[in-house]
Amino acid sequence: MRHKKRFSISGTLFTLILVYFIYLIAKDKEWKILSFITGAYLFIIIGFFALVILGILLLILIPLLFLKKPILVKRFKRKSVIKNPKANNNAIDVDFKVKD
């Protein structure tokens, strides 16, 4: 039976801490290649985590915006210029009598 490799968050966080300490030591001793490689690794992995968190937040916020949409539509709906149709100045009300 083969053992499957599984990547967990705890292992990744441990690796990030380890790589960060390697980065600090390499930067302190002025090992430019090692500090560049570890810095690039940290940048890529932290950027990946940021994208995952951003995706989760978008998955939560977008449905909330769709639920709030009818309220937003009512708020920004254009109100009619003529509020009272009887007070319309364009209409002429004329009474007349027909002579026999």
Protein backbone atom coordinates (compact mmCIF):
# COMPACT_ATOMS: atom_id res chain seq x y z
CA MET A 1 0.00 0.00 0.00
CA ARG A 2 1.45 3.33 -1.09
CA HIS A 3 1.60 6.30 1.20
CA LYS A 4 -0.08 9.36 -0.27
CA LYS A 5 1.49 12.73 0.32
CA ARG A 6 -0.86 15.20 1.90
CA PHE A 7 -0.17 18.87 2.29
CA SER A 8 -1.79 20.35 5.33
CA ILE A 9 -1.98 23.91 6.56
CA SER A 10 0.05 23.12 9.68
CA GLY A 11 2.89 21.71 7.58
CA THR A 12 2.81 24.71 5.29
CA LEU A 13 2.88 27.13 8.21
CA PHE A 14 5.81 25.24 9.74
CA THR A 15 7.61 25.45 6.40
CA LEU A 16 6.90 29.18 6.15
CA ILE A 17 8.35 29.77 9.62
CA LEU A 18 11.42 27.68 8.82
CA VAL A 19 11.98 29.44 5.48
CA TYR A 20 11.53 32.84 7.14
CA PHE A 21 14.28 32.05 9.66
CA ILE A 22 16.52 30.82 6.84
CA TYR A 23 15.78 34.09 5.02
CA LEU A 24 16.74 36.14 8.08
CA ILE A 25 20.01 34.22 8.56
CA ALA A 26 20.87 34.47 4.86
CA LYS A 27 20.15 38.19 4.84
CA ASP A 28 22.22 38.71 7.99
CA LYS A 29 25.23 36.84 6.58
CA GLU A 30 24.75 38.50 3.16
CA TRP A 31 24.19 35.31 1.20
CA LYS A 32 22.43 36.94 -1.71
CA ILE A 33 21.37 33.88 -3.69
CA LEU A 34 19.89 32.05 -0.69
CA SER A 35 18.15 35.18 0.58
CA PHE A 36 16.71 35.80 -2.90
CA ILE A 37 15.42 32.22 -3.23
CA THR A 38 13.87 32.15 0.24
CA GLY A 39 12.38 35.64 -0.23
CA ALA A 40 10.85 34.59 -3.56
CA TYR A 41 9.45 31.43 -1.94
CA LEU A 42 7.90 33.46 0.88
CA PHE A 43 6.46 35.97 -1.58
CA ILE A 44 4.87 33.25 -3.73
CA ILE A 45 3.42 31.22 -0.86
CA ILE A 46 2.09 34.24 1.06
CA GLY A 47 0.64 35.59 -2.19
CA PHE A 48 -1.07 32.25 -2.77
CA PHE A 49 -2.55 32.36 0.75
CA ALA A 50 -3.73 35.93 0.14
CA LEU A 51 -5.44 34.86 -3.10
CA VAL A 52 -7.17 31.97 -1.33
CA ILE A 53 -8.41 34.24 1.47
CA LEU A 54 -9.54 36.83 -1.09
CA GLY A 55 -11.43 34.13 -3.00
CA ILE A 56 -13.17 32.94 0.14
CA LEU A 57 -14.15 36.51 1.03
CA LEU A 58 -15.52 37.07 -2.47
CA LEU A 59 -17.54 33.87 -2.25
CA ILE A 60 -19.06 35.18 0.96
CA LEU A 61 -19.58 38.82 -0.10
CA ILE A 62 -21.02 38.35 -3.60
CA PRO A 63 -24.14 36.45 -2.44
CA LEU A 64 -24.65 39.05 0.28
CA LEU A 65 -24.62 41.78 -2.37
CA PHE A 66 -27.20 39.87 -4.42
CA LEU A 67 -29.40 39.54 -1.36
CA LYS A 68 -29.14 43.28 -0.72
CA LYS A 69 -29.74 44.18 -4.39
CA PRO A 70 -33.51 44.83 -4.16
CA ILE A 71 -32.87 47.30 -1.36
CA LEU A 72 -30.22 49.05 -3.46
CA VAL A 73 -32.52 49.17 -6.47
CA LYS A 74 -35.28 50.76 -4.42
CA ARG A 75 -32.87 53.29 -2.99
CA PHE A 76 -31.52 54.41 -6.36
CA LYS A 77 -34.76 54.13 -8.32
CA ARG A 78 -35.56 57.36 -10.17
CA LYS A 79 -38.53 59.13 -8.69
CA SER A 80 -41.21 60.47 -10.94
CA VAL A 81 -41.04 64.16 -11.75
CA ILE A 82 -44.81 64.58 -11.60
CA LYS A 83 -45.97 63.53 -8.17
CA ASN A 84 -49.62 64.55 -8.56
CA PRO A 85 -51.17 63.81 -11.97
CA LYS A 86 -54.04 66.26 -11.28
CA ALA A 87 -51.58 69.12 -10.96
CA ASN A 88 -50.23 68.61 -14.47
CA ASN A 89 -49.82 72.02 -16.14
CA ASN A 90 -49.94 70.58 -19.66
CA ALA A 91 -53.53 69.36 -19.35
CA ILE A 92 -56.39 71.74 -20.12
CA ASP A 93 -59.73 71.19 -18.44
CA VAL A 94 -62.50 72.87 -20.41
CA ASP A 95 -66.22 72.87 -19.70
CA PHE A 96 -68.52 73.92 -22.47
CA LYS A 97 -72.19 73.88 -23.19
CA VAL A 98 -73.78 73.15 -26.53
CA LYS A 99 -76.53 75.57 -27.66
CA ASP A 100 -79.62 74.05 -29.10
